[in-house]
Amino acid sequence: MSNRIVTQRLLLRRARPGDLHAMHVILSDARAMRYWSTPPHTDLAETEEWLAAMIDAPSDIADDYMVELDGRLVGKAGCWRLPELGFIFHPDVWGRGIAQEALRAVVPRLFARFAVPELVADVDPRNAGCLRLLGRLGFHETGRLSNTWQVGAVFCDSVYLALPRPAAADAR
């Protein structure tokens, strides 16, 4: 299976060390990181460690893609650890359908590559845009818990969602 996915507007590819500065721009942006599991990155070394972990993640439990639009890295989408789907995009591309286009390409690839019964997501309930997007992709809510994440000094809640494996994916 290829390490690249091409959609109408996007190139999704594996992470590489040269992605450091572009990802730091995203991971240090307070808007992009508002609902992420860590505070915004304050120095390049923090992003370098994050990127190295993504590059070195074992291929039997991780399948993550960098997302390029017009040759510019604008985010990442995929599974850092199966079966949990995660994504983050630069605020400049929000509202343009980029995340949906990327995820509509990644999700079938994940089901084709891995025999997981479902993909899951853990979303801050204040992140209405993310919840709408995942709903459009077919995810449904499976539960809620309070104070599940501490990001900096703030405790956050979780909405848990799942996308069952499509029946067609079982007939491989």
N, C-alpha and C. Protein backbone atom coordinates (compact mmCIF):
# COMPACT_ATOMS: atom_id res chain seq x y z
N MET A 1 0.85 -1.18 0.00
CA MET A 1 0.00 0.00 0.00
C MET A 1 0.90 1.24 0.00
N SER A 2 0.56 2.21 -0.79
CA SER A 2 1.35 3.42 -0.95
C SER A 2 1.39 4.25 0.33
N ASN A 3 2.46 4.98 0.50
CA ASN A 3 2.58 5.90 1.63
C ASN A 3 2.09 7.29 1.27
N ARG A 4 1.41 7.40 0.13
CA ARG A 4 0.87 8.68 -0.33
C ARG A 4 -0.59 8.49 -0.71
N ILE A 5 -1.36 9.52 -0.43
CA ILE A 5 -2.76 9.57 -0.86
C ILE A 5 -2.93 10.91 -1.57
N VAL A 6 -3.52 10.88 -2.74
CA VAL A 6 -3.77 12.10 -3.48
C VAL A 6 -5.28 12.27 -3.61
N THR A 7 -5.78 13.45 -3.24
CA THR A 7 -7.19 13.77 -3.40
C THR A 7 -7.29 14.89 -4.43
N GLN A 8 -8.47 15.42 -4.59
CA GLN A 8 -8.66 16.50 -5.57
C GLN A 8 -7.73 17.68 -5.31
N ARG A 9 -7.58 18.07 -4.03
CA ARG A 9 -6.75 19.23 -3.70
C ARG A 9 -5.52 18.92 -2.85
N LEU A 10 -5.44 17.73 -2.31
CA LEU A 10 -4.44 17.46 -1.27
C LEU A 10 -3.48 16.34 -1.63
N LEU A 11 -2.31 16.43 -1.03
CA LEU A 11 -1.35 15.34 -1.00
C LEU A 11 -1.19 14.96 0.46
N LEU A 12 -1.44 13.71 0.78
CA LEU A 12 -1.22 13.18 2.12
C LEU A 12 -0.03 12.25 2.02
N ARG A 13 0.95 12.44 2.89
CA ARG A 13 2.19 11.68 2.82
C ARG A 13 2.74 11.48 4.22
N ARG A 14 3.74 10.63 4.32
CA ARG A 14 4.38 10.37 5.62
C ARG A 14 5.18 11.59 6.07
N ALA A 15 5.32 11.70 7.37
CA ALA A 15 6.10 12.78 7.96
C ALA A 15 7.58 12.58 7.66
N ARG A 16 8.29 13.69 7.59
CA ARG A 16 9.74 13.65 7.40
C ARG A 16 10.35 14.79 8.21
N PRO A 17 11.66 14.70 8.52
CA PRO A 17 12.30 15.72 9.35
C PRO A 17 12.14 17.15 8.81
N GLY A 18 12.07 17.30 7.51
CA GLY A 18 11.91 18.63 6.93
C GLY A 18 10.58 19.29 7.23
N ASP A 19 9.66 18.57 7.86
CA ASP A 19 8.35 19.13 8.22
C ASP A 19 8.39 19.93 9.53
N LEU A 20 9.54 19.95 10.16
CA LEU A 20 9.65 20.54 11.49
C LEU A 20 9.12 21.97 11.57
N HIS A 21 9.60 22.85 10.75
CA HIS A 21 9.22 24.26 10.88
C HIS A 21 7.74 24.49 10.56
N ALA A 22 7.23 23.82 9.52
CA ALA A 22 5.82 23.98 9.17
C ALA A 22 4.92 23.44 10.28
N MET A 23 5.28 22.32 10.88
CA MET A 23 4.46 21.79 11.97
C MET A 23 4.59 22.64 13.22
N HIS A 24 5.76 23.23 13.42
CA HIS A 24 5.90 24.11 14.59
C HIS A 24 4.98 25.32 14.47
N VAL A 25 4.83 25.83 13.26
CA VAL A 25 3.91 26.95 13.06
C VAL A 25 2.50 26.56 13.53
N ILE A 26 2.08 25.36 13.20
CA ILE A 26 0.75 24.88 13.60
C ILE A 26 0.69 24.59 15.09
N LEU A 27 1.67 23.82 15.59
CA LEU A 27 1.63 23.37 16.99
C LEU A 27 1.95 24.47 18.00
N SER A 28 2.43 25.60 17.53
CA SER A 28 2.67 26.74 18.44
C SER A 28 1.54 27.77 18.36
N ASP A 29 0.57 27.54 17.50
CA ASP A 29 -0.55 28.46 17.32
C ASP A 29 -1.64 28.14 18.35
N ALA A 30 -1.94 29.09 19.20
CA ALA A 30 -2.93 28.86 20.27
C ALA A 30 -4.30 28.52 19.71
N ARG A 31 -4.65 29.06 18.54
CA ARG A 31 -5.95 28.74 17.94
C ARG A 31 -6.00 27.27 17.53
N ALA A 32 -4.97 26.79 16.87
CA ALA A 32 -4.93 25.40 16.43
C ALA A 32 -4.90 24.44 17.62
N MET A 33 -4.25 24.85 18.69
CA MET A 33 -4.04 23.97 19.85
C MET A 33 -5.11 24.12 20.92
N ARG A 34 -6.12 24.94 20.69
CA ARG A 34 -7.12 25.21 21.72
C ARG A 34 -7.73 23.94 22.31
N TYR A 35 -7.99 22.94 21.46
CA TYR A 35 -8.63 21.71 21.94
C TYR A 35 -7.70 20.50 21.82
N TRP A 36 -6.42 20.73 21.65
CA TRP A 36 -5.44 19.66 21.55
C TRP A 36 -5.14 19.15 22.95
N SER A 37 -4.41 18.07 23.05
CA SER A 37 -4.16 17.45 24.35
C SER A 37 -2.96 18.04 25.09
N THR A 38 -2.31 19.03 24.49
CA THR A 38 -1.20 19.72 25.15
C THR A 38 -1.33 21.21 24.87
N PRO A 39 -0.67 22.04 25.68
CA PRO A 39 -0.65 23.47 25.37
C PRO A 39 0.16 23.71 24.08
N PRO A 40 0.04 24.90 23.51
CA PRO A 40 0.85 25.21 22.32
C PRO A 40 2.33 25.01 22.60
N HIS A 41 3.04 24.52 21.59
CA HIS A 41 4.48 24.33 21.74
C HIS A 41 5.16 25.69 21.86
N THR A 42 6.08 25.78 22.81
CA THR A 42 6.75 27.05 23.04
C THR A 42 8.14 27.11 22.42
N ASP A 43 8.70 25.97 22.06
CA ASP A 43 10.00 25.99 21.40
C ASP A 43 10.09 24.89 20.35
N LEU A 44 11.01 25.07 19.45
CA LEU A 44 11.18 24.15 18.32
C LEU A 44 11.53 22.73 18.79
N ALA A 45 12.27 22.62 19.88
CA ALA A 45 12.67 21.30 20.39
C ALA A 45 11.45 20.45 20.75
N GLU A 46 10.42 21.08 21.27
CA GLU A 46 9.20 20.36 21.63
C GLU A 46 8.53 19.79 20.37
N THR A 47 8.48 20.58 19.33
CA THR A 47 7.91 20.11 18.06
C THR A 47 8.81 19.05 17.43
N GLU A 48 10.11 19.21 17.57
CA GLU A 48 11.05 18.23 17.02
C GLU A 48 10.83 16.86 17.67
N GLU A 49 10.61 16.85 18.97
CA GLU A 49 10.35 15.60 19.69
C GLU A 49 9.02 14.99 19.23
N TRP A 50 7.99 15.82 19.07
CA TRP A 50 6.69 15.37 18.59
C TRP A 50 6.80 14.75 17.20
N LEU A 51 7.51 15.44 16.32
CA LEU A 51 7.67 14.98 14.94
C LEU A 51 8.48 13.68 14.89
N ALA A 52 9.54 13.59 15.67
CA ALA A 52 10.35 12.37 15.70
C ALA A 52 9.51 11.18 16.16
N ALA A 53 8.65 11.39 17.15
CA ALA A 53 7.79 10.31 17.62
C ALA A 53 6.82 9.87 16.52
N MET A 54 6.35 10.82 15.75
CA MET A 54 5.44 10.48 14.65
C MET A 54 6.18 9.70 13.57
N ILE A 55 7.37 10.14 13.23
CA ILE A 55 8.16 9.46 12.20
C ILE A 55 8.54 8.05 12.64
N ASP A 56 8.88 7.89 13.91
CA ASP A 56 9.35 6.61 14.43
C ASP A 56 8.23 5.69 14.94
N ALA A 57 6.98 6.13 14.85
CA ALA A 57 5.87 5.33 15.37
C ALA A 57 5.81 3.98 14.65
N PRO A 58 5.59 2.90 15.39
CA PRO A 58 5.52 1.57 14.78
C PRO A 58 4.37 1.48 13.77
N SER A 59 4.66 0.97 12.59
CA SER A 59 3.67 0.93 11.51
C SER A 59 2.53 -0.05 11.76
N ASP A 60 2.66 -0.91 12.76
CA ASP A 60 1.57 -1.84 13.05
C ASP A 60 0.52 -1.23 13.97
N ILE A 61 0.79 -0.06 14.54
CA ILE A 61 -0.19 0.60 15.42
C ILE A 61 -0.40 2.06 15.09
N ALA A 62 0.29 2.58 14.08
CA ALA A 62 0.18 3.99 13.72
C ALA A 62 0.08 4.14 12.21
N ASP A 63 -0.70 5.11 11.77
CA ASP A 63 -0.83 5.40 10.35
C ASP A 63 -1.24 6.86 10.23
N ASP A 64 -0.25 7.73 10.22
CA ASP A 64 -0.45 9.17 10.23
C ASP A 64 0.07 9.79 8.94
N TYR A 65 -0.58 10.84 8.50
CA TYR A 65 -0.21 11.52 7.26
C TYR A 65 -0.09 13.02 7.46
N MET A 66 0.92 13.59 6.85
CA MET A 66 1.02 15.04 6.74
C MET A 66 0.14 15.45 5.57
N VAL A 67 -0.49 16.58 5.67
CA VAL A 67 -1.42 17.04 4.64
C VAL A 67 -0.87 18.29 3.99
N GLU A 68 -0.69 18.23 2.66
CA GLU A 68 -0.22 19.38 1.90
C GLU A 68 -1.33 19.90 1.00
N LEU A 69 -1.42 21.21 0.93
CA LEU A 69 -2.32 21.92 0.03
C LEU A 69 -1.47 22.87 -0.80
N ASP A 70 -1.50 22.71 -2.09
CA ASP A 70 -0.69 23.55 -2.99
C ASP A 70 0.78 23.57 -2.58
N GLY A 71 1.30 22.40 -2.18
CA GLY A 71 2.71 22.28 -1.81
C GLY A 71 3.05 22.77 -0.41
N ARG A 72 2.07 23.24 0.34
CA ARG A 72 2.29 23.76 1.70
C ARG A 72 1.72 22.78 2.72
N LEU A 73 2.51 22.42 3.72
CA LEU A 73 2.04 21.56 4.79
C LEU A 73 1.04 22.35 5.63
N VAL A 74 -0.20 21.84 5.73
CA VAL A 74 -1.25 22.56 6.45
C VAL A 74 -1.81 21.78 7.63
N GLY A 75 -1.33 20.54 7.84
CA GLY A 75 -1.83 19.78 8.97
C GLY A 75 -1.43 18.33 8.92
N LYS A 76 -2.06 17.56 9.80
CA LYS A 76 -1.84 16.11 9.85
C LYS A 76 -3.15 15.43 10.17
N ALA A 77 -3.29 14.19 9.65
CA ALA A 77 -4.50 13.42 9.89
C ALA A 77 -4.15 11.93 9.90
N GLY A 78 -4.77 11.19 10.79
CA GLY A 78 -4.54 9.76 10.83
C GLY A 78 -4.62 9.23 12.24
N CYS A 79 -3.98 8.10 12.45
CA CYS A 79 -3.96 7.46 13.76
C CYS A 79 -2.55 7.45 14.31
N TRP A 80 -2.34 8.13 15.40
CA TRP A 80 -1.07 8.08 16.12
C TRP A 80 -0.97 6.73 16.82
N ARG A 81 -2.08 6.29 17.39
CA ARG A 81 -2.19 4.97 18.00
C ARG A 81 -3.57 4.45 17.66
N LEU A 82 -3.61 3.35 16.94
CA LEU A 82 -4.89 2.76 16.57
C LEU A 82 -5.68 2.38 17.81
N PRO A 83 -6.96 2.51 17.78
CA PRO A 83 -7.81 2.93 16.68
C PRO A 83 -8.21 4.40 16.76
N GLU A 84 -7.44 5.23 17.49
CA GLU A 84 -7.86 6.62 17.71
C GLU A 84 -7.45 7.53 16.57
N LEU A 85 -8.44 8.15 15.95
CA LEU A 85 -8.24 9.10 14.86
C LEU A 85 -7.92 10.46 15.45
N GLY A 86 -6.96 11.14 14.85
CA GLY A 86 -6.61 12.48 15.29
C GLY A 86 -6.23 13.34 14.10
N PHE A 87 -6.42 14.63 14.25
CA PHE A 87 -6.06 15.55 13.18
C PHE A 87 -5.91 16.95 13.74
N ILE A 88 -5.10 17.72 13.06
CA ILE A 88 -4.91 19.13 13.41
C ILE A 88 -4.54 19.85 12.13
N PHE A 89 -5.09 21.05 11.96
CA PHE A 89 -4.85 21.84 10.76
C PHE A 89 -4.57 23.28 11.13
N HIS A 90 -3.82 23.95 10.28
CA HIS A 90 -3.54 25.37 10.47
C HIS A 90 -4.85 26.14 10.34
N PRO A 91 -5.09 27.10 11.23
CA PRO A 91 -6.34 27.87 11.17
C PRO A 91 -6.59 28.56 9.83
N ASP A 92 -5.55 28.83 9.06
CA ASP A 92 -5.74 29.48 7.75
C ASP A 92 -6.57 28.64 6.80
N VAL A 93 -6.63 27.32 7.02
CA VAL A 93 -7.39 26.46 6.10
C VAL A 93 -8.72 25.99 6.68
N TRP A 94 -9.04 26.42 7.89
CA TRP A 94 -10.32 26.04 8.49
C TRP A 94 -11.48 26.57 7.64
N GLY A 95 -12.55 25.82 7.60
CA GLY A 95 -13.75 26.26 6.89
C GLY A 95 -13.70 26.07 5.38
N ARG A 96 -12.67 25.42 4.88
CA ARG A 96 -12.52 25.22 3.44
C ARG A 96 -12.70 23.76 3.03
N GLY A 97 -13.10 22.90 3.96
CA GLY A 97 -13.33 21.49 3.65
C GLY A 97 -12.05 20.67 3.56
N ILE A 98 -10.93 21.23 3.97
CA ILE A 98 -9.64 20.54 3.89
C ILE A 98 -9.61 19.34 4.83
N ALA A 99 -10.03 19.53 6.07
CA ALA A 99 -10.02 18.42 7.03
C ALA A 99 -10.95 17.31 6.57
N GLN A 100 -12.12 17.67 6.09
CA GLN A 100 -13.06 16.64 5.62
C GLN A 100 -12.48 15.89 4.43
N GLU A 101 -11.89 16.60 3.49
CA GLU A 101 -11.29 15.94 2.32
C GLU A 101 -10.17 14.99 2.74
N ALA A 102 -9.34 15.44 3.67
CA ALA A 102 -8.23 14.60 4.14
C ALA A 102 -8.76 13.36 4.86
N LEU A 103 -9.72 13.54 5.74
CA LEU A 103 -10.24 12.41 6.51
C LEU A 103 -11.04 11.44 5.65
N ARG A 104 -11.73 11.94 4.65
CA ARG A 104 -12.46 11.04 3.73
C ARG A 104 -11.49 10.17 2.94
N ALA A 105 -10.25 10.60 2.83
CA ALA A 105 -9.23 9.77 2.17
C ALA A 105 -8.53 8.85 3.17
N VAL A 106 -8.30 9.32 4.38
CA VAL A 106 -7.56 8.55 5.38
C VAL A 106 -8.39 7.42 5.99
N VAL A 107 -9.64 7.69 6.31
CA VAL A 107 -10.46 6.70 7.01
C VAL A 107 -10.58 5.38 6.23
N PRO A 108 -10.90 5.40 4.93
CA PRO A 108 -10.95 4.12 4.21
C PRO A 108 -9.59 3.42 4.18
N ARG A 109 -8.52 4.19 4.10
CA ARG A 109 -7.18 3.60 4.11
C ARG A 109 -6.92 2.89 5.43
N LEU A 110 -7.35 3.48 6.53
CA LEU A 110 -7.16 2.85 7.84
C LEU A 110 -7.91 1.53 7.93
N PHE A 111 -9.17 1.53 7.49
CA PHE A 111 -9.94 0.29 7.53
C PHE A 111 -9.39 -0.76 6.58
N ALA A 112 -8.84 -0.33 5.45
CA ALA A 112 -8.27 -1.29 4.50
C ALA A 112 -6.97 -1.90 5.03
N ARG A 113 -6.23 -1.12 5.78
CA ARG A 113 -4.91 -1.56 6.24
C ARG A 113 -4.96 -2.33 7.55
N PHE A 114 -5.90 -2.01 8.41
CA PHE A 114 -5.95 -2.60 9.75
C PHE A 114 -7.30 -3.25 10.01
N ALA A 115 -7.28 -4.37 10.69
CA ALA A 115 -8.51 -5.11 11.01
C ALA A 115 -9.13 -4.62 12.31
N VAL A 116 -9.31 -3.31 12.43
CA VAL A 116 -9.93 -2.75 13.63
C VAL A 116 -11.44 -2.75 13.45
N PRO A 117 -12.19 -3.03 14.53
CA PRO A 117 -13.65 -3.06 14.41
C PRO A 117 -14.25 -1.66 14.26
N GLU A 118 -13.50 -0.64 14.72
CA GLU A 118 -13.99 0.73 14.65
C GLU A 118 -12.83 1.69 14.81
N LEU A 119 -13.05 2.91 14.39
CA LEU A 119 -12.15 4.01 14.70
C LEU A 119 -12.83 4.83 15.78
N VAL A 120 -12.04 5.43 16.65
CA VAL A 120 -12.60 6.22 17.75
C VAL A 120 -11.97 7.60 17.76
N ALA A 121 -12.64 8.51 18.46
CA ALA A 121 -12.12 9.86 18.63
C ALA A 121 -12.51 10.35 20.02
N ASP A 122 -11.64 11.16 20.59
CA ASP A 122 -11.85 11.78 21.89
C ASP A 122 -11.83 13.28 21.64
N VAL A 123 -12.97 13.94 21.80
CA VAL A 123 -13.10 15.35 21.42
C VAL A 123 -13.54 16.18 22.61
N ASP A 124 -12.94 17.35 22.76
CA ASP A 124 -13.40 18.32 23.75
C ASP A 124 -14.80 18.77 23.32
N PRO A 125 -15.80 18.69 24.21
CA PRO A 125 -17.17 19.03 23.81
C PRO A 125 -17.33 20.48 23.35
N ARG A 126 -16.39 21.35 23.68
CA ARG A 126 -16.47 22.75 23.22
C ARG A 126 -16.06 22.88 21.75
N ASN A 127 -15.45 21.83 21.19
CA ASN A 127 -14.96 21.87 19.81
C ASN A 127 -16.09 21.47 18.85
N ALA A 128 -17.04 22.38 18.68
CA ALA A 128 -18.23 22.11 17.87
C ALA A 128 -17.88 21.79 16.42
N GLY A 129 -16.89 22.45 15.86
CA GLY A 129 -16.49 22.19 14.48
C GLY A 129 -16.01 20.77 14.28
N CYS A 130 -15.21 20.29 15.18
CA CYS A 130 -14.70 18.92 15.11
C CYS A 130 -15.84 17.92 15.26
N LEU A 131 -16.75 18.16 16.18
CA LEU A 131 -17.87 17.26 16.38
C LEU A 131 -18.76 17.21 15.14
N ARG A 132 -18.99 18.36 14.51
CA ARG A 132 -19.78 18.38 13.26
C ARG A 132 -19.08 17.61 12.16
N LEU A 133 -17.76 17.82 12.02
CA LEU A 133 -17.00 17.13 10.99
C LEU A 133 -17.06 15.62 11.19
N LEU A 134 -16.80 15.16 12.39
CA LEU A 134 -16.83 13.73 12.65
C LEU A 134 -18.24 13.16 12.43
N GLY A 135 -19.26 13.92 12.76
CA GLY A 135 -20.62 13.50 12.49
C GLY A 135 -20.88 13.33 11.00
N ARG A 136 -20.37 14.25 10.18
CA ARG A 136 -20.52 14.14 8.73
C ARG A 136 -19.80 12.91 8.20
N LEU A 137 -18.76 12.48 8.88
CA LEU A 137 -18.02 11.29 8.45
C LEU A 137 -18.66 9.99 8.94
N GLY A 138 -19.71 10.11 9.76
CA GLY A 138 -20.41 8.92 10.23
C GLY A 138 -20.11 8.51 11.66
N PHE A 139 -19.28 9.26 12.36
CA PHE A 139 -18.99 8.95 13.76
C PHE A 139 -20.24 9.23 14.60
N HIS A 140 -20.44 8.43 15.64
CA HIS A 140 -21.55 8.65 16.56
C HIS A 140 -21.01 8.69 17.99
N GLU A 141 -21.70 9.40 18.84
CA GLU A 141 -21.27 9.54 20.23
C GLU A 141 -21.49 8.24 20.99
N THR A 142 -20.47 7.87 21.76
CA THR A 142 -20.57 6.66 22.58
C THR A 142 -20.51 6.95 24.08
N GLY A 143 -20.17 8.19 24.45
CA GLY A 143 -20.12 8.52 25.86
C GLY A 143 -19.47 9.87 26.10
N ARG A 144 -19.56 10.29 27.36
CA ARG A 144 -18.96 11.56 27.81
C ARG A 144 -18.40 11.38 29.21
N LEU A 145 -17.28 12.05 29.46
CA LEU A 145 -16.71 12.06 30.80
C LEU A 145 -16.19 13.46 31.10
N SER A 146 -16.16 13.81 32.37
CA SER A 146 -15.65 15.11 32.80
C SER A 146 -14.22 14.98 33.30
N ASN A 147 -13.48 16.06 33.14
CA ASN A 147 -12.12 16.17 33.67
C ASN A 147 -11.21 15.03 33.23
N THR A 148 -11.20 14.73 31.94
CA THR A 148 -10.40 13.63 31.42
C THR A 148 -9.00 14.05 31.01
N TRP A 149 -8.82 15.31 30.70
CA TRP A 149 -7.52 15.83 30.26
C TRP A 149 -7.16 17.04 31.08
N GLN A 150 -5.89 17.14 31.43
CA GLN A 150 -5.40 18.38 32.02
C GLN A 150 -4.43 18.97 31.00
N VAL A 151 -4.80 20.11 30.47
CA VAL A 151 -3.97 20.81 29.50
C VAL A 151 -3.51 22.10 30.16
N GLY A 152 -2.23 22.13 30.53
CA GLY A 152 -1.75 23.24 31.33
C GLY A 152 -2.41 23.15 32.69
N ALA A 153 -3.07 24.23 33.10
CA ALA A 153 -3.75 24.26 34.39
C ALA A 153 -5.24 23.99 34.26
N VAL A 154 -5.72 23.71 33.06
CA VAL A 154 -7.14 23.57 32.81
C VAL A 154 -7.53 22.11 32.61
N PHE A 155 -8.60 21.70 33.28
CA PHE A 155 -9.15 20.36 33.07
C PHE A 155 -10.20 20.44 31.97
N CYS A 156 -10.18 19.46 31.08
CA CYS A 156 -11.10 19.41 29.95
C CYS A 156 -11.93 18.14 30.01
N ASP A 157 -13.08 18.20 29.38
CA ASP A 157 -13.97 17.05 29.31
C ASP A 157 -13.77 16.33 27.98
N SER A 158 -14.39 15.18 27.83
CA SER A 158 -14.29 14.38 26.61
C SER A 158 -15.65 13.93 26.12
N VAL A 159 -15.83 13.99 24.82
CA VAL A 159 -16.93 13.32 24.12
C VAL A 159 -16.25 12.21 23.35
N TYR A 160 -16.72 10.99 23.55
CA TYR A 160 -16.14 9.84 22.85
C TYR A 160 -17.04 9.49 21.66
N LEU A 161 -16.40 9.25 20.53
CA LEU A 161 -17.12 8.93 19.31
C LEU A 161 -16.52 7.68 18.68
N ALA A 162 -17.33 7.01 17.85
CA ALA A 162 -16.84 5.82 17.16
C ALA A 162 -17.43 5.77 15.76
N LEU A 163 -16.66 5.20 14.87
CA LEU A 163 -17.08 4.93 13.50
C LEU A 163 -16.89 3.44 13.28
N PRO A 164 -17.98 2.68 13.20
CA PRO A 164 -17.84 1.23 13.00
C PRO A 164 -17.22 0.92 11.63
N ARG A 165 -16.53 -0.17 11.60
CA ARG A 165 -15.94 -0.66 10.35
C ARG A 165 -17.05 -0.88 9.32
N PRO A 166 -16.91 -0.33 8.12
CA PRO A 166 -17.94 -0.57 7.09
C PRO A 166 -17.97 -2.04 6.70
N ALA A 167 -19.12 -2.54 6.39
CA ALA A 167 -19.28 -3.95 6.01
C ALA A 167 -18.43 -4.26 4.79
N ALA A 168 -18.32 -3.35 3.84
CA ALA A 168 -17.53 -3.59 2.63
C ALA A 168 -16.06 -3.77 2.95
N ALA A 169 -15.58 -3.15 4.03
CA ALA A 169 -14.16 -3.27 4.40
C ALA A 169 -13.85 -4.68 4.90
N ASP A 170 -14.86 -5.41 5.34
CA ASP A 170 -14.65 -6.77 5.83
C ASP A 170 -14.45 -7.77 4.70
N ALA A 171 -14.90 -7.42 3.52
CA ALA A 171 -14.84 -8.34 2.37
C ALA A 171 -13.57 -8.17 1.56
N ARG A 172 -12.41 -8.09 2.26
CA ARG A 172 -11.17 -7.90 1.52
C ARG A 172 -10.57 -9.20 1.15
